[in-house]
């Protein structure tokens, strides 16, 4: 996978991180679930980029 495709995957995962983080905070009212959600997205994005 070339560098432009890797950056595209990271941008594609960055949008759910921003929007989803706000939704998770609105649902739970705490930053702990947001942190768990963000770490999960980080692992998923890392798995895509490492291929």
Protein backbone atom coordinates (compact mmCIF):
# COMPACT_ATOMS: atom_id res chain seq x y z
CA UNK A 1 0.00 0.00 0.00
CA UNK A 2 1.48 3.34 -1.00
CA UNK A 3 1.71 6.40 1.23
CA UNK A 4 -1.24 8.25 -0.34
CA UNK A 5 -3.53 5.29 0.27
CA UNK A 6 -2.35 5.02 3.89
CA UNK A 7 -3.06 8.72 4.44
CA UNK A 8 -6.49 8.28 2.87
CA UNK A 9 -7.30 5.48 5.31
CA UNK A 10 -6.20 7.64 8.23
CA UNK A 11 -8.41 10.53 7.04
CA UNK A 12 -11.29 8.09 6.52
CA UNK A 13 -10.87 6.94 10.15
CA UNK A 14 -10.33 10.49 11.43
CA UNK A 15 -13.83 11.65 10.56
CA UNK A 16 -15.55 8.96 12.68
CA UNK A 17 -13.13 9.79 15.48
CA UNK A 18 -14.27 13.41 15.59
CA UNK A 19 -17.98 12.91 14.92
CA UNK A 20 -18.24 9.62 16.83
CA UNK A 21 -16.38 11.03 19.81
CA UNK A 22 -18.99 13.75 20.14
CA UNK A 23 -21.82 11.26 19.84
CA UNK A 24 -20.29 8.94 22.44
CA UNK A 25 -19.81 11.87 24.82
CA UNK A 26 -23.42 12.96 24.30
CA UNK A 27 -24.67 9.45 25.04
CA UNK A 28 -22.55 8.73 28.11
CA UNK A 29 -21.65 12.20 29.42
CA UNK A 30 -18.10 11.20 30.30
CA UNK A 31 -14.72 11.19 28.61
CA UNK A 32 -13.84 7.62 29.63
CA UNK A 33 -16.11 5.99 26.99
CA UNK A 34 -14.81 8.50 24.45
CA UNK A 35 -11.25 7.44 25.25
CA UNK A 36 -12.19 3.77 24.83
CA UNK A 37 -13.87 4.55 21.49
CA UNK A 38 -10.86 6.54 20.26
CA UNK A 39 -8.40 3.78 21.25
CA UNK A 40 -10.55 1.22 19.44
CA UNK A 41 -10.54 3.38 16.30
CA UNK A 42 -6.79 3.82 16.61
CA UNK A 43 -6.28 0.06 16.63
CA UNK A 44 -8.58 -0.40 13.63
CA UNK A 45 -6.81 2.36 11.67
CA UNK A 46 -3.42 0.90 12.62
CA UNK A 47 -4.51 -2.50 11.35
CA UNK A 48 -5.52 -1.02 7.99
CA UNK A 49 -2.34 1.02 7.65
CA UNK A 50 -0.03 -1.84 8.61
CA UNK A 51 -1.27 -4.03 5.75
